[in-house]
Amino acid sequence: MTENELSYAIIGAALEVHRTLGVGLLESAYEAALLYELEKLGFQVRTQVYQPTIYKETQIDKAYRIDMIVEEKVIVENKSVHEIHPTDFLRTKTYLKLSGIKLGLIINFNSALLKNGIHRVVNNL
């Protein structure tokens, strides 16, 4: 599956979670429900993934933590906030750059219409 095909499936699963749970829960509840939906679709998903990075000649273990990596191709950052902050986009872009993954999705489940809370972030490598 391509990144775009995966993102389509991820968004469909997120819509199901939002339709079922509604607005106002903790991020961890949405993440668990989204994990359930994605695994039910047969996707390999890793959650709360600590990643190392190299700073000059020093390795930094647990430099950052990604909410979800789907099929090792798409990063998903789950949010349950009033609005997405510009630093959330910058952070996701950094995660993409450091991981070598091309596509990220920021999904804010605290949106009345989930389609308004879904944002694609692309790593142009």
PDB file of N, CA and C in Angstrom:
ATOM      1  N   MET A   1       0.834  -1.194   0.000  1.00  0.00           N
ATOM      2  CA  MET A   1       0.000   0.000   0.000  1.00  0.00           C
ATOM      3  C   MET A   1       0.871   1.247   0.000  1.00  0.00           C
ATOM      4  N   THR A   2       0.450   2.245  -0.729  1.00  0.00           N
ATOM      5  CA  THR A   2       1.174   3.511  -0.731  1.00  0.00           C
ATOM      6  C   THR A   2       0.813   4.313   0.517  1.00  0.00           C
ATOM      7  N   GLU A   3       1.574   5.346   0.767  1.00  0.00           N
ATOM      8  CA  GLU A   3       1.287   6.228   1.900  1.00  0.00           C
ATOM      9  C   GLU A   3      -0.109   6.842   1.774  1.00  0.00           C
ATOM     10  N   ASN A   4      -0.481   7.229   0.554  1.00  0.00           N
ATOM     11  CA  ASN A   4      -1.800   7.840   0.353  1.00  0.00           C
ATOM     12  C   ASN A   4      -2.930   6.844   0.603  1.00  0.00           C
ATOM     13  N   GLU A   5      -2.750   5.610   0.149  1.00  0.00           N
ATOM     14  CA  GLU A   5      -3.765   4.583   0.404  1.00  0.00           C
ATOM     15  C   GLU A   5      -3.881   4.306   1.901  1.00  0.00           C
ATOM     16  N   LEU A   6      -2.738   4.237   2.580  1.00  0.00           N
ATOM     17  CA  LEU A   6      -2.747   4.036   4.034  1.00  0.00           C
ATOM     18  C   LEU A   6      -3.441   5.192   4.740  1.00  0.00           C
ATOM     19  N   SER A   7      -3.128   6.417   4.318  1.00  0.00           N
ATOM     20  CA  SER A   7      -3.734   7.580   4.989  1.00  0.00           C
ATOM     21  C   SER A   7      -5.249   7.570   4.821  1.00  0.00           C
ATOM     22  N   TYR A   8      -5.724   7.142   3.671  1.00  0.00           N
ATOM     23  CA  TYR A   8      -7.161   7.037   3.438  1.00  0.00           C
ATOM     24  C   TYR A   8      -7.795   6.059   4.432  1.00  0.00           C
ATOM     25  N   ALA A   9      -7.150   4.903   4.617  1.00  0.00           N
ATOM     26  CA  ALA A   9      -7.659   3.894   5.558  1.00  0.00           C
ATOM     27  C   ALA A   9      -7.576   4.399   7.000  1.00  0.00           C
ATOM     28  N   ILE A  10      -6.497   5.082   7.341  1.00  0.00           N
ATOM     29  CA  ILE A  10      -6.333   5.619   8.696  1.00  0.00           C
ATOM     30  C   ILE A  10      -7.411   6.646   8.989  1.00  0.00           C
ATOM     31  N   ILE A  11      -7.665   7.517   8.026  1.00  0.00           N
ATOM     32  CA  ILE A  11      -8.697   8.546   8.212  1.00  0.00           C
ATOM     33  C   ILE A  11     -10.068   7.892   8.361  1.00  0.00           C
ATOM     34  N   GLY A  12     -10.345   6.864   7.577  1.00  0.00           N
ATOM     35  CA  GLY A  12     -11.620   6.145   7.719  1.00  0.00           C
ATOM     36  C   GLY A  12     -11.770   5.547   9.105  1.00  0.00           C
ATOM     37  N   ALA A  13     -10.679   4.956   9.628  1.00  0.00           N
ATOM     38  CA  ALA A  13     -10.715   4.386  10.981  1.00  0.00           C
ATOM     39  C   ALA A  13     -10.906   5.486  12.022  1.00  0.00           C
ATOM     40  N   ALA A  14     -10.243   6.623  11.831  1.00  0.00           N
ATOM     41  CA  ALA A  14     -10.384   7.751  12.770  1.00  0.00           C
ATOM     42  C   ALA A  14     -11.810   8.278  12.766  1.00  0.00           C
ATOM     43  N   LEU A  15     -12.423   8.339  11.595  1.00  0.00           N
ATOM     44  CA  LEU A  15     -13.823   8.786  11.509  1.00  0.00           C
ATOM     45  C   LEU A  15     -14.742   7.844  12.290  1.00  0.00           C
ATOM     46  N   GLU A  16     -14.489   6.547  12.203  1.00  0.00           N
ATOM     47  CA  GLU A  16     -15.281   5.567  12.955  1.00  0.00           C
ATOM     48  C   GLU A  16     -15.110   5.774  14.458  1.00  0.00           C
ATOM     49  N   VAL A  17     -13.879   5.997  14.892  1.00  0.00           N
ATOM     50  CA  VAL A  17     -13.611   6.246  16.317  1.00  0.00           C
ATOM     51  C   VAL A  17     -14.349   7.504  16.776  1.00  0.00           C
ATOM     52  N   HIS A  18     -14.254   8.554  15.987  1.00  0.00           N
ATOM     53  CA  HIS A  18     -14.889   9.835  16.353  1.00  0.00           C
ATOM     54  C   HIS A  18     -16.406   9.693  16.371  1.00  0.00           C
ATOM     55  N   ARG A  19     -16.951   8.975  15.389  1.00  0.00           N
ATOM     56  CA  ARG A  19     -18.398   8.760  15.321  1.00  0.00           C
ATOM     57  C   ARG A  19     -18.882   7.986  16.553  1.00  0.00           C
ATOM     58  N   THR A  20     -18.081   7.025  17.000  1.00  0.00           N
ATOM     59  CA  THR A  20     -18.479   6.175  18.119  1.00  0.00           C
ATOM     60  C   THR A  20     -18.261   6.837  19.472  1.00  0.00           C
ATOM     61  N   LEU A  21     -17.107   7.478  19.660  1.00  0.00           N
ATOM     62  CA  LEU A  21     -16.763   8.035  20.978  1.00  0.00           C
ATOM     63  C   LEU A  21     -17.163   9.495  21.163  1.00  0.00           C
ATOM     64  N   GLY A  22     -17.244  10.249  20.083  1.00  0.00           N
ATOM     65  CA  GLY A  22     -17.566  11.669  20.209  1.00  0.00           C
ATOM     66  C   GLY A  22     -16.365  12.485  20.650  1.00  0.00           C
ATOM     67  N   VAL A  23     -16.640  13.661  21.171  1.00  0.00           N
ATOM     68  CA  VAL A  23     -15.624  14.646  21.551  1.00  0.00           C
ATOM     69  C   VAL A  23     -15.462  14.677  23.064  1.00  0.00           C
ATOM     70  N   GLY A  24     -14.255  14.991  23.531  1.00  0.00           N
ATOM     71  CA  GLY A  24     -14.071  15.297  24.940  1.00  0.00           C
ATOM     72  C   GLY A  24     -13.296  14.292  25.768  1.00  0.00           C
ATOM     73  N   LEU A  25     -12.843  13.196  25.163  1.00  0.00           N
ATOM     74  CA  LEU A  25     -12.092  12.209  25.930  1.00  0.00           C
ATOM     75  C   LEU A  25     -10.602  12.537  25.902  1.00  0.00           C
ATOM     76  N   LEU A  26      -9.843  11.796  26.680  1.00  0.00           N
ATOM     77  CA  LEU A  26      -8.393  11.954  26.677  1.00  0.00           C
ATOM     78  C   LEU A  26      -7.810  11.390  25.381  1.00  0.00           C
ATOM     79  N   GLU A  27      -6.676  11.917  24.998  1.00  0.00           N
ATOM     80  CA  GLU A  27      -5.967  11.454  23.811  1.00  0.00           C
ATOM     81  C   GLU A  27      -5.738   9.943  23.857  1.00  0.00           C
ATOM     82  N   SER A  28      -5.418   9.425  25.033  1.00  0.00           N
ATOM     83  CA  SER A  28      -5.121   7.991  25.169  1.00  0.00           C
ATOM     84  C   SER A  28      -6.328   7.126  24.806  1.00  0.00           C
ATOM     85  N   ALA A  29      -7.531   7.589  25.066  1.00  0.00           N
ATOM     86  CA  ALA A  29      -8.728   6.822  24.708  1.00  0.00           C
ATOM     87  C   ALA A  29      -8.874   6.737  23.193  1.00  0.00           C
ATOM     88  N   TYR A  30      -8.660   7.855  22.514  1.00  0.00           N
ATOM     89  CA  TYR A  30      -8.753   7.855  21.055  1.00  0.00           C
ATOM     90  C   TYR A  30      -7.649   7.007  20.433  1.00  0.00           C
ATOM     91  N   GLU A  31      -6.464   7.078  21.017  1.00  0.00           N
ATOM     92  CA  GLU A  31      -5.349   6.285  20.501  1.00  0.00           C
ATOM     93  C   GLU A  31      -5.641   4.792  20.621  1.00  0.00           C
ATOM     94  N   ALA A  32      -6.165   4.366  21.762  1.00  0.00           N
ATOM     95  CA  ALA A  32      -6.491   2.948  21.959  1.00  0.00           C
ATOM     96  C   ALA A  32      -7.580   2.498  20.986  1.00  0.00           C
ATOM     97  N   ALA A  33      -8.587   3.335  20.791  1.00  0.00           N
ATOM     98  CA  ALA A  33      -9.669   2.991  19.870  1.00  0.00           C
ATOM     99  C   ALA A  33      -9.172   2.958  18.423  1.00  0.00           C
ATOM    100  N   LEU A  34      -8.318   3.918  18.056  1.00  0.00           N
ATOM    101  CA  LEU A  34      -7.769   3.938  16.698  1.00  0.00           C
ATOM    102  C   LEU A  34      -6.870   2.722  16.467  1.00  0.00           C
ATOM    103  N   LEU A  35      -6.087   2.365  17.459  1.00  0.00           N
ATOM    104  CA  LEU A  35      -5.259   1.160  17.370  1.00  0.00           C
ATOM    105  C   LEU A  35      -6.138  -0.061  17.119  1.00  0.00           C
ATOM    106  N   TYR A  36      -7.221  -0.180  17.859  1.00  0.00           N
ATOM    107  CA  TYR A  36      -8.162  -1.286  17.685  1.00  0.00           C
ATOM    108  C   TYR A  36      -8.662  -1.341  16.240  1.00  0.00           C
ATOM    109  N   GLU A  37      -9.121  -0.207  15.734  1.00  0.00           N
ATOM    110  CA  GLU A  37      -9.670  -0.155  14.378  1.00  0.00           C
ATOM    111  C   GLU A  37      -8.619  -0.508  13.325  1.00  0.00           C
ATOM    112  N   LEU A  38      -7.414   0.013  13.482  1.00  0.00           N
ATOM    113  CA  LEU A  38      -6.364  -0.243  12.496  1.00  0.00           C
ATOM    114  C   LEU A  38      -5.906  -1.698  12.516  1.00  0.00           C
ATOM    115  N   GLU A  39      -5.785  -2.267  13.706  1.00  0.00           N
ATOM    116  CA  GLU A  39      -5.410  -3.677  13.800  1.00  0.00           C
ATOM    117  C   GLU A  39      -6.516  -4.570  13.244  1.00  0.00           C
ATOM    118  N   LYS A  40      -7.757  -4.173  13.448  1.00  0.00           N
ATOM    119  CA  LYS A  40      -8.892  -4.913  12.901  1.00  0.00           C
ATOM    120  C   LYS A  40      -8.840  -4.934  11.369  1.00  0.00           C
ATOM    121  N   LEU A  41      -8.287  -3.873  10.793  1.00  0.00           N
ATOM    122  CA  LEU A  41      -8.120  -3.808   9.342  1.00  0.00           C
ATOM    123  C   LEU A  41      -6.875  -4.560   8.866  1.00  0.00           C
ATOM    124  N   GLY A  42      -6.109  -5.094   9.814  1.00  0.00           N
ATOM    125  CA  GLY A  42      -4.952  -5.897   9.464  1.00  0.00           C
ATOM    126  C   GLY A  42      -3.644  -5.137   9.339  1.00  0.00           C
ATOM    127  N   PHE A  43      -3.615  -3.896   9.819  1.00  0.00           N
ATOM    128  CA  PHE A  43      -2.394  -3.102   9.720  1.00  0.00           C
ATOM    129  C   PHE A  43      -1.462  -3.363  10.894  1.00  0.00           C
ATOM    130  N   GLN A  44      -0.169  -3.289  10.604  1.00  0.00           N
ATOM    131  CA  GLN A  44       0.836  -3.346  11.661  1.00  0.00           C
ATOM    132  C   GLN A  44       0.971  -1.924  12.212  1.00  0.00           C
ATOM    133  N   VAL A  45       0.768  -1.791  13.526  1.00  0.00           N
ATOM    134  CA  VAL A  45       0.812  -0.475  14.162  1.00  0.00           C
ATOM    135  C   VAL A  45       1.687  -0.552  15.406  1.00  0.00           C
ATOM    136  N   ARG A  46       2.591   0.407  15.517  1.00  0.00           N
ATOM    137  CA  ARG A  46       3.367   0.545  16.753  1.00  0.00           C
ATOM    138  C   ARG A  46       2.919   1.844  17.416  1.00  0.00           C
ATOM    139  N   THR A  47       2.743   1.789  18.737  1.00  0.00           N
ATOM    140  CA  THR A  47       2.303   2.983  19.460  1.00  0.00           C
ATOM    141  C   THR A  47       3.346   3.416  20.487  1.00  0.00           C
ATOM    142  N   GLN A  48       3.325   4.711  20.775  1.00  0.00           N
ATOM    143  CA  GLN A  48       4.236   5.312  21.755  1.00  0.00           C
ATOM    144  C   GLN A  48       5.669   4.842  21.499  1.00  0.00           C
ATOM    145  N   VAL A  49       6.119   5.098  20.286  1.00  0.00           N
ATOM    146  CA  VAL A  49       7.404   4.610  19.810  1.00  0.00           C
ATOM    147  C   VAL A  49       8.512   5.611  20.142  1.00  0.00           C
ATOM    148  N   TYR A  50       9.381   5.226  21.068  1.00  0.00           N
ATOM    149  CA  TYR A  50      10.549   6.056  21.383  1.00  0.00           C
ATOM    150  C   TYR A  50      11.562   5.907  20.266  1.00  0.00           C
ATOM    151  N   GLN A  51      12.104   7.008  19.827  1.00  0.00           N
ATOM    152  CA  GLN A  51      13.081   7.004  18.757  1.00  0.00           C
ATOM    153  C   GLN A  51      14.380   7.656  19.232  1.00  0.00           C
ATOM    154  N   PRO A  52      15.499   7.072  18.847  1.00  0.00           N
ATOM    155  CA  PRO A  52      16.781   7.722  19.132  1.00  0.00           C
ATOM    156  C   PRO A  52      17.121   8.702  18.012  1.00  0.00           C
ATOM    157  N   THR A  53      18.071   9.546  18.249  1.00  0.00           N
ATOM    158  CA  THR A  53      18.603  10.400  17.196  1.00  0.00           C
ATOM    159  C   THR A  53      20.083  10.631  17.471  1.00  0.00           C
ATOM    160  N   ILE A  54      20.760  11.090  16.462  1.00  0.00           N
ATOM    161  CA  ILE A  54      22.182  11.383  16.593  1.00  0.00           C
ATOM    162  C   ILE A  54      22.353  12.889  16.625  1.00  0.00           C
ATOM    163  N   TYR A  55      23.036  13.363  17.636  1.00  0.00           N
ATOM    164  CA  TYR A  55      23.425  14.771  17.702  1.00  0.00           C
ATOM    165  C   TYR A  55      24.941  14.810  17.595  1.00  0.00           C
ATOM    166  N   LYS A  56      25.404  15.325  16.467  1.00  0.00           N
ATOM    167  CA  LYS A  56      26.832  15.312  16.142  1.00  0.00           C
ATOM    168  C   LYS A  56      27.319  13.877  16.239  1.00  0.00           C
ATOM    169  N   GLU A  57      28.226  13.549  17.129  1.00  0.00           N
ATOM    170  CA  GLU A  57      28.690  12.159  17.207  1.00  0.00           C
ATOM    171  C   GLU A  57      28.098  11.403  18.399  1.00  0.00           C
ATOM    172  N   THR A  58      27.069  11.953  19.021  1.00  0.00           N
ATOM    173  CA  THR A  58      26.474  11.347  20.205  1.00  0.00           C
ATOM    174  C   THR A  58      25.065  10.855  19.905  1.00  0.00           C
ATOM    175  N   GLN A  59      24.783   9.608  20.289  1.00  0.00           N
ATOM    176  CA  GLN A  59      23.419   9.100  20.148  1.00  0.00           C
ATOM    177  C   GLN A  59      22.611   9.487  21.375  1.00  0.00           C
ATOM    178  N   ILE A  60      21.417  10.018  21.116  1.00  0.00           N
ATOM    179  CA  ILE A  60      20.487  10.360  22.192  1.00  0.00           C
ATOM    180  C   ILE A  60      19.360   9.328  22.158  1.00  0.00           C
ATOM    181  N   ASP A  61      19.329   8.460  23.155  1.00  0.00           N
ATOM    182  CA  ASP A  61      18.248   7.483  23.247  1.00  0.00           C
ATOM    183  C   ASP A  61      16.975   8.199  23.683  1.00  0.00           C
ATOM    184  N   LYS A  62      15.862   7.714  23.200  1.00  0.00           N
ATOM    185  CA  LYS A  62      14.557   8.273  23.561  1.00  0.00           C
ATOM    186  C   LYS A  62      14.519   9.786  23.359  1.00  0.00           C
ATOM    187  N   ALA A  63      14.948  10.225  22.189  1.00  0.00           N
ATOM    188  CA  ALA A  63      14.980  11.649  21.874  1.00  0.00           C
ATOM    189  C   ALA A  63      13.571  12.206  21.640  1.00  0.00           C
ATOM    190  N   TYR A  64      12.687  11.355  21.137  1.00  0.00           N
ATOM    191  CA  TYR A  64      11.308  11.776  20.908  1.00  0.00           C
ATOM    192  C   TYR A  64      10.422  10.541  20.876  1.00  0.00           C
ATOM    193  N   ARG A  65       9.109  10.777  20.972  1.00  0.00           N
ATOM    194  CA  ARG A  65       8.162   9.658  21.007  1.00  0.00           C
ATOM    195  C   ARG A  65       7.031   9.931  20.020  1.00  0.00           C
ATOM    196  N   ILE A  66       6.853   8.989  19.119  1.00  0.00           N
ATOM    197  CA  ILE A  66       5.808   9.086  18.100  1.00  0.00           C
ATOM    198  C   ILE A  66       4.572   8.361  18.621  1.00  0.00           C
ATOM    199  N   ASP A  67       3.401   8.988  18.477  1.00  0.00           N
ATOM    200  CA  ASP A  67       2.165   8.353  18.939  1.00  0.00           C
ATOM    201  C   ASP A  67       1.922   7.017  18.240  1.00  0.00           C
ATOM    202  N   MET A  68       1.946   7.021  16.903  1.00  0.00           N
ATOM    203  CA  MET A  68       1.683   5.792  16.151  1.00  0.00           C
ATOM    204  C   MET A  68       2.491   5.795  14.859  1.00  0.00           C
ATOM    205  N   ILE A  69       2.977   4.613  14.499  1.00  0.00           N
ATOM    206  CA  ILE A  69       3.556   4.406  13.180  1.00  0.00           C
ATOM    207  C   ILE A  69       2.787   3.245  12.552  1.00  0.00           C
ATOM    208  N   VAL A  70       2.177   3.509  11.401  1.00  0.00           N
ATOM    209  CA  VAL A  70       1.348   2.514  10.721  1.00  0.00           C
ATOM    210  C   VAL A  70       2.119   1.962   9.526  1.00  0.00           C
ATOM    211  N   GLU A  71       2.304   0.647   9.528  1.00  0.00           N
ATOM    212  CA  GLU A  71       2.984  -0.058   8.439  1.00  0.00           C
ATOM    213  C   GLU A  71       4.364   0.525   8.132  1.00  0.00           C
ATOM    214  N   GLU A  72       4.978   1.163   9.109  1.00  0.00           N
ATOM    215  CA  GLU A  72       6.305   1.781   8.950  1.00  0.00           C
ATOM    216  C   GLU A  72       6.337   2.825   7.841  1.00  0.00           C
ATOM    217  N   LYS A  73       5.133   3.353   7.481  1.00  0.00           N
ATOM    218  CA  LYS A  73       5.034   4.315   6.384  1.00  0.00           C
ATOM    219  C   LYS A  73       4.351   5.626   6.743  1.00  0.00           C
ATOM    220  N   VAL A  74       3.517   5.613   7.770  1.00  0.00           N
ATOM    221  CA  VAL A  74       2.758   6.818   8.123  1.00  0.00           C
ATOM    222  C   VAL A  74       2.845   7.035   9.629  1.00  0.00           C
ATOM    223  N   ILE A  75       3.203   8.259   9.997  1.00  0.00           N
ATOM    224  CA  ILE A  75       3.190   8.661  11.405  1.00  0.00           C
ATOM    225  C   ILE A  75       1.831   9.274  11.692  1.00  0.00           C
ATOM    226  N   VAL A  76       1.238   8.888  12.820  1.00  0.00           N
ATOM    227  CA  VAL A  76      -0.026   9.476  13.254  1.00  0.00           C
ATOM    228  C   VAL A  76       0.206  10.111  14.615  1.00  0.00           C
ATOM    229  N   GLU A  77      -0.075  11.393  14.693  1.00  0.00           N
ATOM    230  CA  GLU A  77      -0.027  12.117  15.961  1.00  0.00           C
ATOM    231  C   GLU A  77      -1.467  12.385  16.381  1.00  0.00           C
ATOM    232  N   ASN A  78      -1.882  11.761  17.480  1.00  0.00           N
ATOM    233  CA  ASN A  78      -3.244  11.905  17.987  1.00  0.00           C
ATOM    234  C   ASN A  78      -3.310  13.080  18.953  1.00  0.00           C
ATOM    235  N   LYS A  79      -4.347  13.880  18.805  1.00  0.00           N
ATOM    236  CA  LYS A  79      -4.552  15.038  19.677  1.00  0.00           C
ATOM    237  C   LYS A  79      -5.992  15.056  20.156  1.00  0.00           C
ATOM    238  N   SER A  80      -6.172  15.675  21.309  1.00  0.00           N
ATOM    239  CA  SER A  80      -7.508  15.970  21.821  1.00  0.00           C
ATOM    240  C   SER A  80      -7.414  17.344  22.483  1.00  0.00           C
ATOM    241  N   VAL A  81      -7.321  18.364  21.632  1.00  0.00           N
ATOM    242  CA  VAL A  81      -7.067  19.731  22.090  1.00  0.00           C
ATOM    243  C   VAL A  81      -8.061  20.688  21.447  1.00  0.00           C
ATOM    244  N   HIS A  82      -8.115  21.899  22.009  1.00  0.00           N
ATOM    245  CA  HIS A  82      -9.013  22.919  21.470  1.00  0.00           C
ATOM    246  C   HIS A  82      -8.670  23.233  20.020  1.00  0.00           C
ATOM    247  N   GLU A  83      -7.381  23.418  19.746  1.00  0.00           N
ATOM    248  CA  GLU A  83      -6.931  23.638  18.374  1.00  0.00           C
ATOM    249  C   GLU A  83      -5.482  23.180  18.234  1.00  0.00           C
ATOM    250  N   ILE A  84      -5.124  22.829  17.030  1.00  0.00           N
ATOM    251  CA  ILE A  84      -3.754  22.411  16.744  1.00  0.00           C
ATOM    252  C   ILE A  84      -2.873  23.653  16.750  1.00  0.00           C
ATOM    253  N   HIS A  85      -1.762  23.578  17.449  1.00  0.00           N
ATOM    254  CA  HIS A  85      -0.813  24.690  17.537  1.00  0.00           C
ATOM    255  C   HIS A  85       0.200  24.559  16.399  1.00  0.00           C
ATOM    256  N   PRO A  86       0.699  25.677  15.882  1.00  0.00           N
ATOM    257  CA  PRO A  86       1.706  25.601  14.815  1.00  0.00           C
ATOM    258  C   PRO A  86       2.917  24.729  15.170  1.00  0.00           C
ATOM    259  N   THR A  87       3.282  24.660  16.437  1.00  0.00           N
ATOM    260  CA  THR A  87       4.425  23.810  16.807  1.00  0.00           C
ATOM    261  C   THR A  87       4.116  22.327  16.616  1.00  0.00           C
ATOM    262  N   ASP A  88       2.832  21.946  16.638  1.00  0.00           N
ATOM    263  CA  ASP A  88       2.473  20.548  16.372  1.00  0.00           C
ATOM    264  C   ASP A  88       2.859  20.160  14.947  1.00  0.00           C
ATOM    265  N   PHE A  89       2.688  21.079  14.000  1.00  0.00           N
ATOM    266  CA  PHE A  89       3.087  20.823  12.618  1.00  0.00           C
ATOM    267  C   PHE A  89       4.605  20.729  12.518  1.00  0.00           C
ATOM    268  N   LEU A  90       5.293  21.645  13.174  1.00  0.00           N
ATOM    269  CA  LEU A  90       6.757  21.631  13.149  1.00  0.00           C
ATOM    270  C   LEU A  90       7.312  20.363  13.794  1.00  0.00           C
ATOM    271  N   ARG A  91       6.722  19.953  14.913  1.00  0.00           N
ATOM    272  CA  ARG A  91       7.160  18.744  15.610  1.00  0.00           C
ATOM    273  C   ARG A  91       6.968  17.517  14.717  1.00  0.00           C
ATOM    274  N   THR A  92       5.825  17.429  14.083  1.00  0.00           N
ATOM    275  CA  THR A  92       5.550  16.286  13.207  1.00  0.00           C
ATOM    276  C   THR A  92       6.508  16.282  12.022  1.00  0.00           C
ATOM    277  N   LYS A  93       6.789  17.450  11.475  1.00  0.00           N
ATOM    278  CA  LYS A  93       7.753  17.556  10.371  1.00  0.00           C
ATOM    279  C   LYS A  93       9.140  17.066  10.823  1.00  0.00           C
ATOM    280  N   THR A  94       9.533  17.414  12.053  1.00  0.00           N
ATOM    281  CA  THR A  94      10.814  16.942  12.600  1.00  0.00           C
ATOM    282  C   THR A  94      10.802  15.425  12.749  1.00  0.00           C
ATOM    283  N   TYR A  95       9.704  14.872  13.265  1.00  0.00           N
ATOM    284  CA  TYR A  95       9.594  13.416  13.409  1.00  0.00           C
ATOM    285  C   TYR A  95       9.759  12.726  12.054  1.00  0.00           C
ATOM    286  N   LEU A  96       9.123  13.287  11.028  1.00  0.00           N
ATOM    287  CA  LEU A  96       9.226  12.715   9.693  1.00  0.00           C
ATOM    288  C   LEU A  96      10.665  12.758   9.201  1.00  0.00           C
ATOM    289  N   LYS A  97      11.293  13.897   9.367  1.00  0.00           N
ATOM    290  CA  LYS A  97      12.671  14.067   8.907  1.00  0.00           C
ATOM    291  C   LYS A  97      13.606  13.085   9.610  1.00  0.00           C
ATOM    292  N   LEU A  98      13.504  13.000  10.932  1.00  0.00           N
ATOM    293  CA  LEU A  98      14.405  12.136  11.693  1.00  0.00           C
ATOM    294  C   LEU A  98      14.145  10.651  11.452  1.00  0.00           C
ATOM    295  N   SER A  99      12.897  10.290  11.188  1.00  0.00           N
ATOM    296  CA  SER A  99      12.556   8.875  10.993  1.00  0.00           C
ATOM    297  C   SER A  99      12.703   8.424   9.541  1.00  0.00           C
ATOM    298  N   GLY A 100      12.742   9.381   8.618  1.00  0.00           N
ATOM    299  CA  GLY A 100      12.801   9.030   7.203  1.00  0.00           C
ATOM    300  C   GLY A 100      11.458   8.629   6.618  1.00  0.00           C
ATOM    301  N   ILE A 101      10.392   8.842   7.366  1.00  0.00           N
ATOM    302  CA  ILE A 101       9.040   8.534   6.892  1.00  0.00           C
ATOM    303  C   ILE A 101       8.522   9.741   6.111  1.00  0.00           C
ATOM    304  N   LYS A 102       7.740   9.487   5.061  1.00  0.00           N
ATOM    305  CA  LYS A 102       7.307  10.556   4.156  1.00  0.00           C
ATOM    306  C   LYS A 102       6.026  11.277   4.565  1.00  0.00           C
ATOM    307  N   LEU A 103       5.120  10.591   5.263  1.00  0.00           N
ATOM    308  CA  LEU A 103       3.796  11.174   5.508  1.00  0.00           C
ATOM    309  C   LEU A 103       3.414  11.090   6.972  1.00  0.00           C
ATOM    310  N   GLY A 104       2.859  12.175   7.475  1.00  0.00           N
ATOM    311  CA  GLY A 104       2.327  12.205   8.825  1.00  0.00           C
ATOM    312  C   GLY A 104       0.905  12.735   8.820  1.00  0.00           C
ATOM    313  N   LEU A 105       0.120  12.263   9.759  1.00  0.00           N
ATOM    314  CA  LEU A 105      -1.236  12.774   9.966  1.00  0.00           C
ATOM    315  C   LEU A 105      -1.341  13.277  11.390  1.00  0.00           C
ATOM    316  N   ILE A 106      -1.840  14.488  11.544  1.00  0.00           N
ATOM    317  CA  ILE A 106      -2.200  15.000  12.858  1.00  0.00           C
ATOM    318  C   ILE A 106      -3.724  14.912  12.918  1.00  0.00           C
ATOM    319  N   ILE A 107      -4.227  14.173  13.893  1.00  0.00           N
ATOM    320  CA  ILE A 107      -5.673  13.980  14.016  1.00  0.00           C
ATOM    321  C   ILE A 107      -6.123  14.530  15.359  1.00  0.00           C
ATOM    322  N   ASN A 108      -6.933  15.603  15.315  1.00  0.00           N
ATOM    323  CA  ASN A 108      -7.465  16.206  16.530  1.00  0.00           C
ATOM    324  C   ASN A 108      -8.892  15.699  16.740  1.00  0.00           C
ATOM    325  N   PHE A 109      -9.043  14.756  17.655  1.00  0.00           N
ATOM    326  CA  PHE A 109     -10.351  14.168  17.925  1.00  0.00           C
ATOM    327  C   PHE A 109     -11.277  15.119  18.680  1.00  0.00           C
ATOM    328  N   ASN A 110     -10.771  16.243  19.123  1.00  0.00           N
ATOM    329  CA  ASN A 110     -11.586  17.211  19.846  1.00  0.00           C
ATOM    330  C   ASN A 110     -12.182  18.242  18.882  1.00  0.00           C
ATOM    331  N   SER A 111     -12.550  17.798  17.697  1.00  0.00           N
ATOM    332  CA  SER A 111     -13.157  18.650  16.673  1.00  0.00           C
ATOM    333  C   SER A 111     -14.606  18.223  16.483  1.00  0.00           C
ATOM    334  N   ALA A 112     -15.501  19.215  16.378  1.00  0.00           N
ATOM    335  CA  ALA A 112     -16.908  18.888  16.154  1.00  0.00           C
ATOM    336  C   ALA A 112     -17.072  18.069  14.872  1.00  0.00           C
ATOM    337  N   LEU A 113     -16.399  18.493  13.805  1.00  0.00           N
ATOM    338  CA  LEU A 113     -16.325  17.731  12.560  1.00  0.00           C
ATOM    339  C   LEU A 113     -14.894  17.248  12.416  1.00  0.00           C
ATOM    340  N   LEU A 114     -14.698  15.948  12.471  1.00  0.00           N
ATOM    341  CA  LEU A 114     -13.335  15.429  12.472  1.00  0.00           C
ATOM    342  C   LEU A 114     -12.575  15.826  11.215  1.00  0.00           C
ATOM    343  N   LYS A 115     -13.260  15.961  10.080  1.00  0.00           N
ATOM    344  CA  LYS A 115     -12.552  16.327   8.853  1.00  0.00           C
ATOM    345  C   LYS A 115     -11.810  17.659   9.012  1.00  0.00           C
ATOM    346  N   ASN A 116     -12.296  18.527   9.897  1.00  0.00           N
ATOM    347  CA  ASN A 116     -11.616  19.799  10.167  1.00  0.00           C
ATOM    348  C   ASN A 116     -10.422  19.615  11.104  1.00  0.00           C
ATOM    349  N   GLY A 117     -10.306  18.455  11.729  1.00  0.00           N
ATOM    350  CA  GLY A 117      -9.226  18.198  12.666  1.00  0.00           C
ATOM    351  C   GLY A 117      -8.143  17.294  12.116  1.00  0.00           C
ATOM    352  N   ILE A 118      -8.208  16.981  10.825  1.00  0.00           N
ATOM    353  CA  ILE A 118      -7.216  16.099  10.206  1.00  0.00           C
ATOM    354  C   ILE A 118      -6.293  16.923   9.324  1.00  0.00           C
ATOM    355  N   HIS A 119      -4.997  16.773   9.577  1.00  0.00           N
ATOM    356  CA  HIS A 119      -3.997  17.535   8.829  1.00  0.00           C
ATOM    357  C   HIS A 119      -2.899  16.603   8.341  1.00  0.00           C
ATOM    358  N   ARG A 120      -2.569  16.738   7.062  1.00  0.00           N
ATOM    359  CA  ARG A 120      -1.469  15.963   6.465  1.00  0.00           C
ATOM    360  C   ARG A 120      -0.190  16.783   6.563  1.00  0.00           C
ATOM    361  N   VAL A 121       0.890  16.116   6.904  1.00  0.00           N
ATOM    362  CA  VAL A 121       2.210  16.741   6.941  1.00  0.00           C
ATOM    363  C   VAL A 121       3.121  15.861   6.085  1.00  0.00           C
ATOM    364  N   VAL A 122       3.804  16.482   5.132  1.00  0.00           N
ATOM    365  CA  VAL A 122       4.607  15.729   4.174  1.00  0.00           C
ATOM    366  C   VAL A 122       6.080  16.045   4.369  1.00  0.00           C
ATOM    367  N   ASN A 123       6.880  14.990   4.351  1.00  0.00           N
ATOM    368  CA  ASN A 123       8.332  15.120   4.396  1.00  0.00           C
ATOM    369  C   ASN A 123       8.829  15.029   2.963  1.00  0.00           C
ATOM    370  N   ASN A 124       9.363  16.124   2.455  1.00  0.00           N
ATOM    371  CA  ASN A 124       9.821  16.143   1.062  1.00  0.00           C
ATOM    372  C   ASN A 124      11.202  15.526   0.894  1.00  0.00           C
ATOM    373  N   LEU A 125      11.712  14.909   1.963  1.00  0.00           N
ATOM    374  CA  LEU A 125      13.017  14.253   1.958  1.00  0.00           C
ATOM    375  C   LEU A 125      13.970  15.116   1.187  1.00  0.00           C
TER     376      LEU A 125
END
